[in-house]
Amino acid sequence: MKPALLLLSSCFLSAATLAAQPTKRPAPATKAAPAKFDPRQRPRNLTDEQLLDQVQRQTFRYFWDFGHPTSGMARERSNVAYDYGNEVVTTGGTGFGIMAIIVAAERGWITRPQAAARISKIVNFLWKADMYHGAFPHWLNGETGHTIRFGIKDDGADIVETSFLYEGLLCARQYFTKDTPDEQNVRNRILWLWEGVEWNWFTQGQNVLYWHWSPNNGWSMNHQIHGWNECLITYVLAAASPRYATDKAVYDQGWATGPEYKNGKIYYNTTLPLGPNLGGPLFFTHYSFMGLDPHGLKDQYADYWQQNQAHTRINHDYCVANPKQQKGYGPTCWG
């Protein structure tokens, strides 16, 4: 027998002998205990500017470090959400995350190419994900792109969450202006997606926008969108659509006729132009105005910079007064 064949036979015999012998199972790996927060490592004596930097950077890290590995989109939460496992990503939250990524690139926490690559991954995923008349659902499976039901009949289009997503996407399209492959892809795909949202279809031929539509349940949720709340951006984007714009009457008769739209009352020496008593939660101020600059923005109903200032002051003064004696409310805990 030739030496090469002898060597090969020896290898086969050795492998067979090893396979026949009982193998020792490795000891099960012990799961590392979660790291505990050590208050001694907490930053102290920060200036207001340093505190804002810390909050902004940590907020960005949620979207960057914890983004879904396949889609790049923002997860619904940091724990397992509603028995759906770890695949739940949120469309509206992803819009907020995209804006955080742009800020991080601008401030040097990540490079511009890194930011463009992550957002390119997101838009490539959205290009293939479930959508309904151009609108996305509230939740998607971050691995497959298929809809995850948000409620019993909420398993289709959500134009409010879609509008929060497009706040971020349109900011990205304006920011990434270079001729690199990723930046070109970001601009092109966002434009194609944006032009495909059929905002006027979500009126059902009426002068109001409807929040939901489902391929299984149609319009059965029957949720008209009226102001004042976090949905101003939905009406603004619907009116601004290059292909499927809504008429001004939809804004005037749908958005501006809500039972909690006009206010005009005085709370803690501050006049509130719009909204429910005391203004409601501050995310009414946050969500739409992440994409809209309220400075100098006004229409026949309000000056939106004054609206945001009034809402914020009333929230602060209410928490300082603390009429219901809520635990912790005060000048250092409000908002």
C-alpha atoms as a PDB file:
ATOM      1  CA  MET A   1       0.000   0.000   0.000  1.00  0.00           C
ATOM      2  CA  LYS A   2       1.323   3.415  -0.886  1.00  0.00           C
ATOM      3  CA  PRO A   3       2.340   5.739   1.975  1.00  0.00           C
ATOM      4  CA  ALA A   4      -0.445   8.220   1.138  1.00  0.00           C
ATOM      5  CA  LEU A   5      -3.094   5.494   1.323  1.00  0.00           C
ATOM      6  CA  LEU A   6      -1.622   4.203   4.592  1.00  0.00           C
ATOM      7  CA  LEU A   7      -1.845   7.700   6.062  1.00  0.00           C
ATOM      8  CA  LEU A   8      -5.445   8.110   4.848  1.00  0.00           C
ATOM      9  CA  SER A   9      -6.440   4.696   6.240  1.00  0.00           C
ATOM     10  CA  SER A  10      -4.844   5.601   9.548  1.00  0.00           C
ATOM     11  CA  CYS A  11      -6.883   8.830   9.681  1.00  0.00           C
ATOM     12  CA  PHE A  12     -10.156   6.970   9.010  1.00  0.00           C
ATOM     13  CA  LEU A  13      -9.346   4.366  11.684  1.00  0.00           C
ATOM     14  CA  SER A  14      -8.485   7.057  14.211  1.00  0.00           C
ATOM     15  CA  ALA A  15     -11.716   8.923  13.455  1.00  0.00           C
ATOM     16  CA  ALA A  16     -13.759   5.727  13.750  1.00  0.00           C
ATOM     17  CA  THR A  17     -12.092   4.844  17.042  1.00  0.00           C
ATOM     18  CA  LEU A  18     -12.790   8.296  18.453  1.00  0.00           C
ATOM     19  CA  ALA A  19     -16.412   8.175  17.272  1.00  0.00           C
ATOM     20  CA  ALA A  20     -16.923   4.831  18.995  1.00  0.00           C
ATOM     21  CA  GLN A  21     -15.651   6.112  22.323  1.00  0.00           C
ATOM     22  CA  PRO A  22     -18.078   7.824  24.689  1.00  0.00           C
ATOM     23  CA  THR A  23     -17.632  11.574  24.602  1.00  0.00           C
ATOM     24  CA  LYS A  24     -17.589  13.730  27.666  1.00  0.00           C
ATOM     25  CA  ARG A  25     -20.227  16.407  27.575  1.00  0.00           C
ATOM     26  CA  PRO A  26     -18.953  19.839  28.459  1.00  0.00           C
ATOM     27  CA  ALA A  27     -20.275  21.272  31.656  1.00  0.00           C
ATOM     28  CA  PRO A  28     -23.229  23.586  31.012  1.00  0.00           C
ATOM     29  CA  ALA A  29     -22.178  27.178  30.752  1.00  0.00           C
ATOM     30  CA  THR A  30     -23.221  29.293  33.660  1.00  0.00           C
ATOM     31  CA  LYS A  31     -25.218  32.333  32.694  1.00  0.00           C
ATOM     32  CA  ALA A  32     -23.505  35.505  33.698  1.00  0.00           C
ATOM     33  CA  ALA A  33     -25.440  37.568  36.182  1.00  0.00           C
ATOM     34  CA  PRO A  34     -26.626  40.881  34.765  1.00  0.00           C
ATOM     35  CA  ALA A  35     -24.361  43.763  35.603  1.00  0.00           C
ATOM     36  CA  LYS A  36     -25.614  45.776  38.524  1.00  0.00           C
ATOM     37  CA  PHE A  37     -25.724  49.514  38.457  1.00  0.00           C
ATOM     38  CA  ASP A  38     -23.066  50.978  40.696  1.00  0.00           C
ATOM     39  CA  PRO A  39     -24.198  54.426  41.859  1.00  0.00           C
ATOM     40  CA  ARG A  40     -20.577  55.297  42.633  1.00  0.00           C
ATOM     41  CA  GLN A  41     -19.893  55.358  38.883  1.00  0.00           C
ATOM     42  CA  ARG A  42     -22.713  57.784  38.175  1.00  0.00           C
ATOM     43  CA  PRO A  43     -21.532  61.093  36.721  1.00  0.00           C
ATOM     44  CA  ARG A  44     -21.817  63.827  39.312  1.00  0.00           C
ATOM     45  CA  ASN A  45     -21.900  67.602  39.415  1.00  0.00           C
ATOM     46  CA  LEU A  46     -22.776  67.882  35.737  1.00  0.00           C
ATOM     47  CA  THR A  47     -23.626  71.228  34.234  1.00  0.00           C
ATOM     48  CA  ASP A  48     -26.944  71.500  32.406  1.00  0.00           C
ATOM     49  CA  GLU A  49     -25.069  71.261  29.098  1.00  0.00           C
ATOM     50  CA  GLN A  50     -23.172  68.149  30.207  1.00  0.00           C
ATOM     51  CA  LEU A  51     -26.381  66.535  31.442  1.00  0.00           C
ATOM     52  CA  LEU A  52     -28.111  67.196  28.115  1.00  0.00           C
ATOM     53  CA  ASP A  53     -25.132  65.705  26.276  1.00  0.00           C
ATOM     54  CA  GLN A  54     -25.276  62.614  28.482  1.00  0.00           C
ATOM     55  CA  VAL A  55     -29.015  62.142  27.938  1.00  0.00           C
ATOM     56  CA  GLN A  56     -28.710  62.667  24.182  1.00  0.00           C
ATOM     57  CA  ARG A  57     -25.835  60.240  23.831  1.00  0.00           C
ATOM     58  CA  GLN A  58     -27.500  57.532  25.904  1.00  0.00           C
ATOM     59  CA  THR A  59     -30.741  57.973  23.956  1.00  0.00           C
ATOM     60  CA  PHE A  60     -28.834  57.536  20.705  1.00  0.00           C
ATOM     61  CA  ARG A  61     -27.193  54.374  22.036  1.00  0.00           C
ATOM     62  CA  TYR A  62     -30.592  52.738  22.532  1.00  0.00           C
ATOM     63  CA  PHE A  63     -31.259  53.017  18.803  1.00  0.00           C
ATOM     64  CA  TRP A  64     -27.682  52.281  17.743  1.00  0.00           C
ATOM     65  CA  ASP A  65     -26.538  49.496  20.082  1.00  0.00           C
ATOM     66  CA  PHE A  66     -29.937  47.849  20.423  1.00  0.00           C
ATOM     67  CA  GLY A  67     -31.223  48.225  16.870  1.00  0.00           C
ATOM     68  CA  HIS A  68     -32.444  44.996  15.293  1.00  0.00           C
ATOM     69  CA  PRO A  69     -29.463  43.177  13.712  1.00  0.00           C
ATOM     70  CA  THR A  70     -31.279  42.292  10.475  1.00  0.00           C
ATOM     71  CA  SER A  71     -33.388  45.378   9.807  1.00  0.00           C
ATOM     72  CA  GLY A  72     -31.520  48.038  11.789  1.00  0.00           C
ATOM     73  CA  MET A  73     -34.896  49.294  13.014  1.00  0.00           C
ATOM     74  CA  ALA A  74     -35.745  50.346  16.556  1.00  0.00           C
ATOM     75  CA  ARG A  75     -37.060  47.664  18.864  1.00  0.00           C
ATOM     76  CA  GLU A  76     -40.355  48.325  20.584  1.00  0.00           C
ATOM     77  CA  ARG A  77     -38.769  48.023  24.019  1.00  0.00           C
ATOM     78  CA  SER A  78     -35.756  46.574  25.782  1.00  0.00           C
ATOM     79  CA  ASN A  79     -37.601  43.563  27.183  1.00  0.00           C
ATOM     80  CA  VAL A  80     -39.576  40.840  25.417  1.00  0.00           C
ATOM     81  CA  ALA A  81     -42.702  42.618  24.212  1.00  0.00           C
ATOM     82  CA  TYR A  82     -46.171  41.107  24.516  1.00  0.00           C
ATOM     83  CA  ASP A  83     -45.045  37.489  24.039  1.00  0.00           C
ATOM     84  CA  TYR A  84     -43.866  38.223  20.490  1.00  0.00           C
ATOM     85  CA  GLY A  85     -40.240  37.552  21.337  1.00  0.00           C
ATOM     86  CA  ASN A  86     -37.317  39.722  20.354  1.00  0.00           C
ATOM     87  CA  GLU A  87     -38.391  40.475  16.790  1.00  0.00           C
ATOM     88  CA  VAL A  88     -40.827  43.354  17.394  1.00  0.00           C
ATOM     89  CA  VAL A  89     -39.654  46.590  15.797  1.00  0.00           C
ATOM     90  CA  THR A  90     -41.611  49.813  15.716  1.00  0.00           C
ATOM     91  CA  THR A  91     -42.047  52.015  12.674  1.00  0.00           C
ATOM     92  CA  GLY A  92     -42.664  55.325  14.445  1.00  0.00           C
ATOM     93  CA  GLY A  93     -39.864  54.721  16.930  1.00  0.00           C
ATOM     94  CA  THR A  94     -37.541  54.001  14.023  1.00  0.00           C
ATOM     95  CA  GLY A  95     -38.269  57.474  12.656  1.00  0.00           C
ATOM     96  CA  PHE A  96     -37.157  58.939  15.976  1.00  0.00           C
ATOM     97  CA  GLY A  97     -34.099  56.682  15.948  1.00  0.00           C
ATOM     98  CA  ILE A  98     -33.085  57.830  12.466  1.00  0.00           C
ATOM     99  CA  MET A  99     -33.070  61.420  13.696  1.00  0.00           C
ATOM    100  CA  ALA A 100     -30.933  60.383  16.681  1.00  0.00           C
ATOM    101  CA  ILE A 101     -28.457  58.710  14.306  1.00  0.00           C
ATOM    102  CA  ILE A 102     -28.203  61.896  12.237  1.00  0.00           C
ATOM    103  CA  VAL A 103     -27.472  63.891  15.408  1.00  0.00           C
ATOM    104  CA  ALA A 104     -24.831  61.341  16.431  1.00  0.00           C
ATOM    105  CA  ALA A 105     -23.092  61.640  13.059  1.00  0.00           C
ATOM    106  CA  GLU A 106     -23.172  65.422  13.215  1.00  0.00           C
ATOM    107  CA  ARG A 107     -21.718  65.425  16.741  1.00  0.00           C
ATOM    108  CA  GLY A 108     -18.982  62.908  15.949  1.00  0.00           C
ATOM    109  CA  TRP A 109     -20.206  60.023  18.097  1.00  0.00           C
ATOM    110  CA  ILE A 110     -20.209  57.867  14.962  1.00  0.00           C
ATOM    111  CA  THR A 111     -18.882  58.575  11.486  1.00  0.00           C
ATOM    112  CA  ARG A 112     -21.076  59.820   8.674  1.00  0.00           C
ATOM    113  CA  PRO A 113     -20.439  56.621   6.620  1.00  0.00           C
ATOM    114  CA  GLN A 114     -21.507  54.515   9.616  1.00  0.00           C
ATOM    115  CA  ALA A 115     -24.740  56.488   9.914  1.00  0.00           C
ATOM    116  CA  ALA A 116     -25.425  56.260   6.177  1.00  0.00           C
ATOM    117  CA  ALA A 117     -24.808  52.501   6.185  1.00  0.00           C
ATOM    118  CA  ARG A 118     -27.246  51.912   9.068  1.00  0.00           C
ATOM    119  CA  ILE A 119     -29.990  54.021   7.507  1.00  0.00           C
ATOM    120  CA  SER A 120     -29.358  52.370   4.132  1.00  0.00           C
ATOM    121  CA  LYS A 121     -29.953  49.020   5.841  1.00  0.00           C
ATOM    122  CA  ILE A 122     -33.226  50.340   7.278  1.00  0.00           C
ATOM    123  CA  VAL A 123     -34.567  51.644   3.961  1.00  0.00           C
ATOM    124  CA  ASN A 124     -33.564  48.441   2.162  1.00  0.00           C
ATOM    125  CA  PHE A 125     -35.566  46.507   4.751  1.00  0.00           C
ATOM    126  CA  LEU A 126     -38.578  48.833   4.487  1.00  0.00           C
ATOM    127  CA  TRP A 127     -38.500  48.483   0.702  1.00  0.00           C
ATOM    128  CA  LYS A 128     -39.425  44.795   1.092  1.00  0.00           C
ATOM    129  CA  ALA A 129     -41.557  45.035   4.249  1.00  0.00           C
ATOM    130  CA  ASP A 130     -45.342  44.822   4.458  1.00  0.00           C
ATOM    131  CA  MET A 131     -47.132  48.042   3.580  1.00  0.00           C
ATOM    132  CA  TYR A 132     -50.716  48.921   2.759  1.00  0.00           C
ATOM    133  CA  HIS A 133     -51.453  51.623   0.198  1.00  0.00           C
ATOM    134  CA  GLY A 134     -47.937  52.842   0.951  1.00  0.00           C
ATOM    135  CA  ALA A 135     -48.414  53.028   4.724  1.00  0.00           C
ATOM    136  CA  PHE A 136     -46.671  50.803   7.241  1.00  0.00           C
ATOM    137  CA  PRO A 137     -48.114  49.012  10.270  1.00  0.00           C
ATOM    138  CA  HIS A 138     -47.259  50.042  13.817  1.00  0.00           C
ATOM    139  CA  TRP A 139     -45.148  46.914  14.384  1.00  0.00           C
ATOM    140  CA  LEU A 140     -43.077  44.788  12.037  1.00  0.00           C
ATOM    141  CA  ASN A 141     -41.144  41.590  12.520  1.00  0.00           C
ATOM    142  CA  GLY A 142     -37.566  42.843  12.344  1.00  0.00           C
ATOM    143  CA  GLU A 143     -36.363  39.618  10.754  1.00  0.00           C
ATOM    144  CA  THR A 144     -39.049  38.981   8.117  1.00  0.00           C
ATOM    145  CA  GLY A 145     -40.654  42.388   7.530  1.00  0.00           C
ATOM    146  CA  HIS A 146     -44.133  40.982   8.095  1.00  0.00           C
ATOM    147  CA  THR A 147     -46.791  42.762  10.133  1.00  0.00           C
ATOM    148  CA  ILE A 148     -47.108  41.986  13.829  1.00  0.00           C
ATOM    149  CA  ARG A 149     -50.573  42.756  15.120  1.00  0.00           C
ATOM    150  CA  PHE A 150     -50.682  45.726  17.506  1.00  0.00           C
ATOM    151  CA  GLY A 151     -54.281  45.152  18.593  1.00  0.00           C
ATOM    152  CA  ILE A 152     -57.171  42.795  17.921  1.00  0.00           C
ATOM    153  CA  LYS A 153     -58.062  44.536  14.648  1.00  0.00           C
ATOM    154  CA  ASP A 154     -54.913  46.630  14.274  1.00  0.00           C
ATOM    155  CA  ASP A 155     -53.045  44.438  11.797  1.00  0.00           C
ATOM    156  CA  GLY A 156     -52.563  46.752   8.843  1.00  0.00           C
ATOM    157  CA  ALA A 157     -51.777  50.355   7.995  1.00  0.00           C
ATOM    158  CA  ASP A 158     -51.169  52.912  10.747  1.00  0.00           C
ATOM    159  CA  ILE A 159     -50.746  56.325   9.146  1.00  0.00           C
ATOM    160  CA  VAL A 160     -49.788  58.063  12.392  1.00  0.00           C
ATOM    161  CA  GLU A 161     -46.852  55.719  13.030  1.00  0.00           C
ATOM    162  CA  THR A 162     -46.066  55.982   9.318  1.00  0.00           C
ATOM    163  CA  SER A 163     -45.867  59.766   9.642  1.00  0.00           C
ATOM    164  CA  PHE A 164     -43.461  59.487  12.603  1.00  0.00           C
ATOM    165  CA  LEU A 165     -41.319  57.168  10.481  1.00  0.00           C
ATOM    166  CA  TYR A 166     -41.310  59.634   7.583  1.00  0.00           C
ATOM    167  CA  GLU A 167     -40.276  62.485   9.860  1.00  0.00           C
ATOM    168  CA  GLY A 168     -37.003  60.645  10.276  1.00  0.00           C
ATOM    169  CA  LEU A 169     -36.726  59.375   6.710  1.00  0.00           C
ATOM    170  CA  LEU A 170     -37.256  62.813   5.177  1.00  0.00           C
ATOM    171  CA  CYS A 171     -34.676  64.308   7.550  1.00  0.00           C
ATOM    172  CA  ALA A 172     -32.239  61.620   6.397  1.00  0.00           C
ATOM    173  CA  ARG A 173     -32.975  62.358   2.747  1.00  0.00           C
ATOM    174  CA  GLN A 174     -32.121  66.013   3.313  1.00  0.00           C
ATOM    175  CA  TYR A 175     -29.005  65.273   5.373  1.00  0.00           C
ATOM    176  CA  PHE A 176     -27.267  62.624   3.262  1.00  0.00           C
ATOM    177  CA  THR A 177     -26.367  64.633   0.166  1.00  0.00           C
ATOM    178  CA  LYS A 178     -23.050  63.051  -0.844  1.00  0.00           C
ATOM    179  CA  ASP A 179     -22.578  60.806  -3.873  1.00  0.00           C
ATOM    180  CA  THR A 180     -21.468  57.685  -2.009  1.00  0.00           C
ATOM    181  CA  PRO A 181     -23.395  54.459  -2.734  1.00  0.00           C
ATOM    182  CA  ASP A 182     -25.049  54.414   0.695  1.00  0.00           C
ATOM    183  CA  GLU A 183     -26.061  58.074   0.637  1.00  0.00           C
ATOM    184  CA  GLN A 184     -27.432  57.773  -2.894  1.00  0.00           C
ATOM    185  CA  ASN A 185     -29.383  54.678  -1.881  1.00  0.00           C
ATOM    186  CA  VAL A 186     -30.803  56.472   1.160  1.00  0.00           C
ATOM    187  CA  ARG A 187     -32.014  59.420  -0.931  1.00  0.00           C
ATOM    188  CA  ASN A 188     -33.436  57.366  -3.788  1.00  0.00           C
ATOM    189  CA  ARG A 189     -35.286  54.752  -1.778  1.00  0.00           C
ATOM    190  CA  ILE A 190     -36.733  57.270   0.654  1.00  0.00           C
ATOM    191  CA  LEU A 191     -38.045  59.316  -2.278  1.00  0.00           C
ATOM    192  CA  TRP A 192     -39.656  56.258  -3.873  1.00  0.00           C
ATOM    193  CA  LEU A 193     -41.215  55.163  -0.582  1.00  0.00           C
ATOM    194  CA  TRP A 194     -42.408  58.682   0.261  1.00  0.00           C
ATOM    195  CA  GLU A 195     -44.048  59.170  -3.122  1.00  0.00           C
ATOM    196  CA  GLY A 196     -45.962  55.917  -2.694  1.00  0.00           C
ATOM    197  CA  VAL A 197     -47.909  56.744   0.482  1.00  0.00           C
ATOM    198  CA  GLU A 198     -51.558  57.176  -0.545  1.00  0.00           C
ATOM    199  CA  TRP A 199     -52.502  59.721   2.104  1.00  0.00           C
ATOM    200  CA  ASN A 200     -55.718  60.796   0.377  1.00  0.00           C
ATOM    201  CA  TRP A 201     -56.930  57.183   0.254  1.00  0.00           C
ATOM    202  CA  PHE A 202     -57.055  57.241   4.058  1.00  0.00           C
ATOM    203  CA  THR A 203     -59.851  59.825   3.989  1.00  0.00           C
ATOM    204  CA  GLN A 204     -62.438  57.397   2.559  1.00  0.00           C
ATOM    205  CA  GLY A 205     -63.522  60.349   0.426  1.00  0.00           C
ATOM    206  CA  GLN A 206     -64.315  62.473   3.494  1.00  0.00           C
ATOM    207  CA  ASN A 207     -62.650  65.574   4.907  1.00  0.00           C
ATOM    208  CA  VAL A 208     -60.831  63.718   7.675  1.00  0.00           C
ATOM    209  CA  LEU A 209     -57.983  61.211   7.922  1.00  0.00           C
ATOM    210  CA  TYR A 210     -58.524  57.725   9.336  1.00  0.00           C
ATOM    211  CA  TRP A 211     -55.816  56.270  11.554  1.00  0.00           C
ATOM    212  CA  HIS A 212     -56.042  52.566  10.576  1.00  0.00           C
ATOM    213  CA  TRP A 213     -56.889  50.238   7.741  1.00  0.00           C
ATOM    214  CA  SER A 214     -56.555  46.448   7.782  1.00  0.00           C
ATOM    215  CA  PRO A 215     -56.556  43.931   4.915  1.00  0.00           C
ATOM    216  CA  ASN A 216     -58.504  41.610   7.223  1.00  0.00           C
ATOM    217  CA  ASN A 217     -60.782  44.086   9.000  1.00  0.00           C
ATOM    218  CA  GLY A 218     -61.045  47.002   6.594  1.00  0.00           C
ATOM    219  CA  TRP A 219     -62.026  50.283   8.262  1.00  0.00           C
ATOM    220  CA  SER A 220     -63.654  48.581  11.249  1.00  0.00           C
ATOM    221  CA  MET A 221     -61.543  50.476  13.810  1.00  0.00           C
ATOM    222  CA  ASN A 222     -63.177  53.657  12.445  1.00  0.00           C
ATOM    223  CA  HIS A 223     -60.689  55.935  14.204  1.00  0.00           C
ATOM    224  CA  GLN A 224     -60.852  59.442  12.775  1.00  0.00           C
ATOM    225  CA  ILE A 225     -57.876  61.668  13.585  1.00  0.00           C
ATOM    226  CA  HIS A 226     -58.907  64.946  15.211  1.00  0.00           C
ATOM    227  CA  GLY A 227     -56.770  67.499  17.064  1.00  0.00           C
ATOM    228  CA  TRP A 228     -55.199  68.553  19.297  1.00  0.00           C
ATOM    229  CA  ASN A 229     -52.669  65.817  20.008  1.00  0.00           C
ATOM    230  CA  GLU A 230     -49.464  64.302  18.607  1.00  0.00           C
ATOM    231  CA  CYS A 231     -50.894  63.847  15.086  1.00  0.00           C
ATOM    232  CA  LEU A 232     -50.309  67.295  13.554  1.00  0.00           C
ATOM    233  CA  ILE A 233     -47.400  65.849  11.559  1.00  0.00           C
ATOM    234  CA  THR A 234     -49.773  63.337   9.938  1.00  0.00           C
ATOM    235  CA  TYR A 235     -51.932  66.091   8.473  1.00  0.00           C
ATOM    236  CA  VAL A 236     -48.899  68.150   7.425  1.00  0.00           C
ATOM    237  CA  LEU A 237     -47.283  65.248   5.566  1.00  0.00           C
ATOM    238  CA  ALA A 238     -50.616  64.299   3.991  1.00  0.00           C
ATOM    239  CA  ALA A 239     -50.997  67.839   2.646  1.00  0.00           C
ATOM    240  CA  ALA A 240     -47.368  67.866   1.448  1.00  0.00           C
ATOM    241  CA  SER A 241     -47.475  64.586  -0.473  1.00  0.00           C
ATOM    242  CA  PRO A 242     -46.126  64.973  -4.033  1.00  0.00           C
ATOM    243  CA  ARG A 243     -48.607  62.453  -5.496  1.00  0.00           C
ATOM    244  CA  TYR A 244     -51.427  61.771  -3.027  1.00  0.00           C
ATOM    245  CA  ALA A 245     -51.971  65.086  -1.235  1.00  0.00           C
ATOM    246  CA  THR A 246     -55.068  65.863   0.798  1.00  0.00           C
ATOM    247  CA  ASP A 247     -57.050  69.081   0.372  1.00  0.00           C
ATOM    248  CA  LYS A 248     -56.994  71.977   2.829  1.00  0.00           C
ATOM    249  CA  ALA A 249     -60.574  71.087   3.779  1.00  0.00           C
ATOM    250  CA  VAL A 250     -59.278  67.829   5.264  1.00  0.00           C
ATOM    251  CA  TYR A 251     -57.057  69.826   7.627  1.00  0.00           C
ATOM    252  CA  ASP A 252     -59.725  72.397   8.492  1.00  0.00           C
ATOM    253  CA  GLN A 253     -62.682  70.038   8.880  1.00  0.00           C
ATOM    254  CA  GLY A 254     -60.835  66.946  10.088  1.00  0.00           C
ATOM    255  CA  TRP A 255     -57.909  68.037  12.229  1.00  0.00           C
ATOM    256  CA  ALA A 256     -59.010  71.468  13.420  1.00  0.00           C
ATOM    257  CA  THR A 257     -62.525  70.518  14.534  1.00  0.00           C
ATOM    258  CA  GLY A 258     -61.654  68.109  17.329  1.00  0.00           C
ATOM    259  CA  PRO A 259     -63.457  68.555  20.659  1.00  0.00           C
ATOM    260  CA  GLU A 260     -60.106  69.296  22.344  1.00  0.00           C
ATOM    261  CA  TYR A 261     -58.625  71.465  19.607  1.00  0.00           C
ATOM    262  CA  LYS A 262     -59.189  75.098  20.544  1.00  0.00           C
ATOM    263  CA  ASN A 263     -58.619  76.070  24.149  1.00  0.00           C
ATOM    264  CA  GLY A 264     -57.759  79.695  24.983  1.00  0.00           C
ATOM    265  CA  LYS A 265     -58.026  79.227  28.756  1.00  0.00           C
ATOM    266  CA  ILE A 266     -55.482  80.461  31.290  1.00  0.00           C
ATOM    267  CA  TYR A 267     -53.637  77.963  33.490  1.00  0.00           C
ATOM    268  CA  TYR A 268     -51.070  79.171  36.029  1.00  0.00           C
ATOM    269  CA  ASN A 269     -51.033  82.615  34.366  1.00  0.00           C
ATOM    270  CA  THR A 270     -50.321  81.127  30.918  1.00  0.00           C
ATOM    271  CA  THR A 271     -52.802  81.112  28.034  1.00  0.00           C
ATOM    272  CA  LEU A 272     -52.998  77.787  26.196  1.00  0.00           C
ATOM    273  CA  PRO A 273     -54.023  78.255  22.533  1.00  0.00           C
ATOM    274  CA  LEU A 274     -54.779  74.606  21.701  1.00  0.00           C
ATOM    275  CA  GLY A 275     -55.354  71.287  23.406  1.00  0.00           C
ATOM    276  CA  PRO A 276     -57.219  69.742  26.325  1.00  0.00           C
ATOM    277  CA  ASN A 277     -57.323  71.154  29.834  1.00  0.00           C
ATOM    278  CA  LEU A 278     -53.788  71.775  31.135  1.00  0.00           C
ATOM    279  CA  GLY A 279     -52.403  70.806  27.717  1.00  0.00           C
ATOM    280  CA  GLY A 280     -52.230  67.032  27.998  1.00  0.00           C
ATOM    281  CA  PRO A 281     -49.014  64.963  27.914  1.00  0.00           C
ATOM    282  CA  LEU A 282     -45.891  66.663  26.611  1.00  0.00           C
ATOM    283  CA  PHE A 283     -45.466  64.185  23.778  1.00  0.00           C
ATOM    284  CA  PHE A 284     -48.110  66.296  22.031  1.00  0.00           C
ATOM    285  CA  THR A 285     -45.293  68.830  21.810  1.00  0.00           C
ATOM    286  CA  HIS A 286     -42.494  66.346  21.142  1.00  0.00           C
ATOM    287  CA  TYR A 287     -43.623  64.014  18.378  1.00  0.00           C
ATOM    288  CA  SER A 288     -44.725  66.353  15.599  1.00  0.00           C
ATOM    289  CA  PHE A 289     -42.073  68.955  16.309  1.00  0.00           C
ATOM    290  CA  MET A 290     -39.165  66.607  15.940  1.00  0.00           C
ATOM    291  CA  GLY A 291     -39.736  67.087  12.216  1.00  0.00           C
ATOM    292  CA  LEU A 292     -41.426  70.497  12.200  1.00  0.00           C
ATOM    293  CA  ASP A 293     -39.600  73.613  13.366  1.00  0.00           C
ATOM    294  CA  PRO A 294     -42.186  75.558  15.412  1.00  0.00           C
ATOM    295  CA  HIS A 295     -40.260  78.850  15.220  1.00  0.00           C
ATOM    296  CA  GLY A 296     -42.312  81.178  13.064  1.00  0.00           C
ATOM    297  CA  LEU A 297     -44.745  78.378  12.189  1.00  0.00           C
ATOM    298  CA  LYS A 298     -48.307  79.644  12.382  1.00  0.00           C
ATOM    299  CA  ASP A 299     -51.685  79.362  10.719  1.00  0.00           C
ATOM    300  CA  GLN A 300     -55.187  80.669  11.385  1.00  0.00           C
ATOM    301  CA  TYR A 301     -55.409  78.543  14.528  1.00  0.00           C
ATOM    302  CA  ALA A 302     -52.170  79.143  16.429  1.00  0.00           C
ATOM    303  CA  ASP A 303     -48.572  80.268  16.557  1.00  0.00           C
ATOM    304  CA  TYR A 304     -46.925  76.911  17.196  1.00  0.00           C
ATOM    305  CA  TRP A 305     -43.883  78.260  18.997  1.00  0.00           C
ATOM    306  CA  GLN A 306     -46.205  80.013  21.444  1.00  0.00           C
ATOM    307  CA  GLN A 307     -48.260  76.813  21.709  1.00  0.00           C
ATOM    308  CA  ASN A 308     -45.212  74.731  22.608  1.00  0.00           C
ATOM    309  CA  GLN A 309     -43.929  77.281  25.109  1.00  0.00           C
ATOM    310  CA  ALA A 310     -47.329  77.570  26.793  1.00  0.00           C
ATOM    311  CA  HIS A 311     -47.792  73.809  26.990  1.00  0.00           C
ATOM    312  CA  THR A 312     -44.346  73.366  28.551  1.00  0.00           C
ATOM    313  CA  ARG A 313     -44.766  76.185  31.088  1.00  0.00           C
ATOM    314  CA  ILE A 314     -48.155  74.869  32.196  1.00  0.00           C
ATOM    315  CA  ASN A 315     -46.753  71.368  32.627  1.00  0.00           C
ATOM    316  CA  HIS A 316     -43.889  72.719  34.742  1.00  0.00           C
ATOM    317  CA  ASP A 317     -46.095  74.955  36.877  1.00  0.00           C
ATOM    318  CA  TYR A 318     -48.647  72.193  37.412  1.00  0.00           C
ATOM    319  CA  CYS A 319     -45.943  69.845  38.689  1.00  0.00           C
ATOM    320  CA  VAL A 320     -44.557  72.531  40.997  1.00  0.00           C
ATOM    321  CA  ALA A 321     -48.033  73.238  42.397  1.00  0.00           C
ATOM    322  CA  ASN A 322     -48.727  69.488  42.533  1.00  0.00           C
ATOM    323  CA  PRO A 323     -52.427  69.843  43.398  1.00  0.00           C
ATOM    324  CA  LYS A 324     -52.945  66.071  43.629  1.00  0.00           C
ATOM    325  CA  GLN A 325     -49.819  65.530  45.756  1.00  0.00           C
ATOM    326  CA  GLN A 326     -48.231  63.131  43.290  1.00  0.00           C
ATOM    327  CA  LYS A 327     -45.041  61.611  44.660  1.00  0.00           C
ATOM    328  CA  GLY A 328     -41.918  63.313  43.356  1.00  0.00           C
ATOM    329  CA  TYR A 329     -43.573  66.120  41.401  1.00  0.00           C
ATOM    330  CA  GLY A 330     -41.836  69.452  41.850  1.00  0.00           C
ATOM    331  CA  PRO A 331     -39.432  71.966  40.317  1.00  0.00           C
ATOM    332  CA  THR A 332     -36.828  69.248  39.659  1.00  0.00           C
ATOM    333  CA  CYS A 333     -39.274  66.580  38.443  1.00  0.00           C
ATOM    334  CA  TRP A 334     -41.733  67.618  35.769  1.00  0.00           C
ATOM    335  CA  GLY A 335     -42.461  66.960  32.116  1.00  0.00           C
END
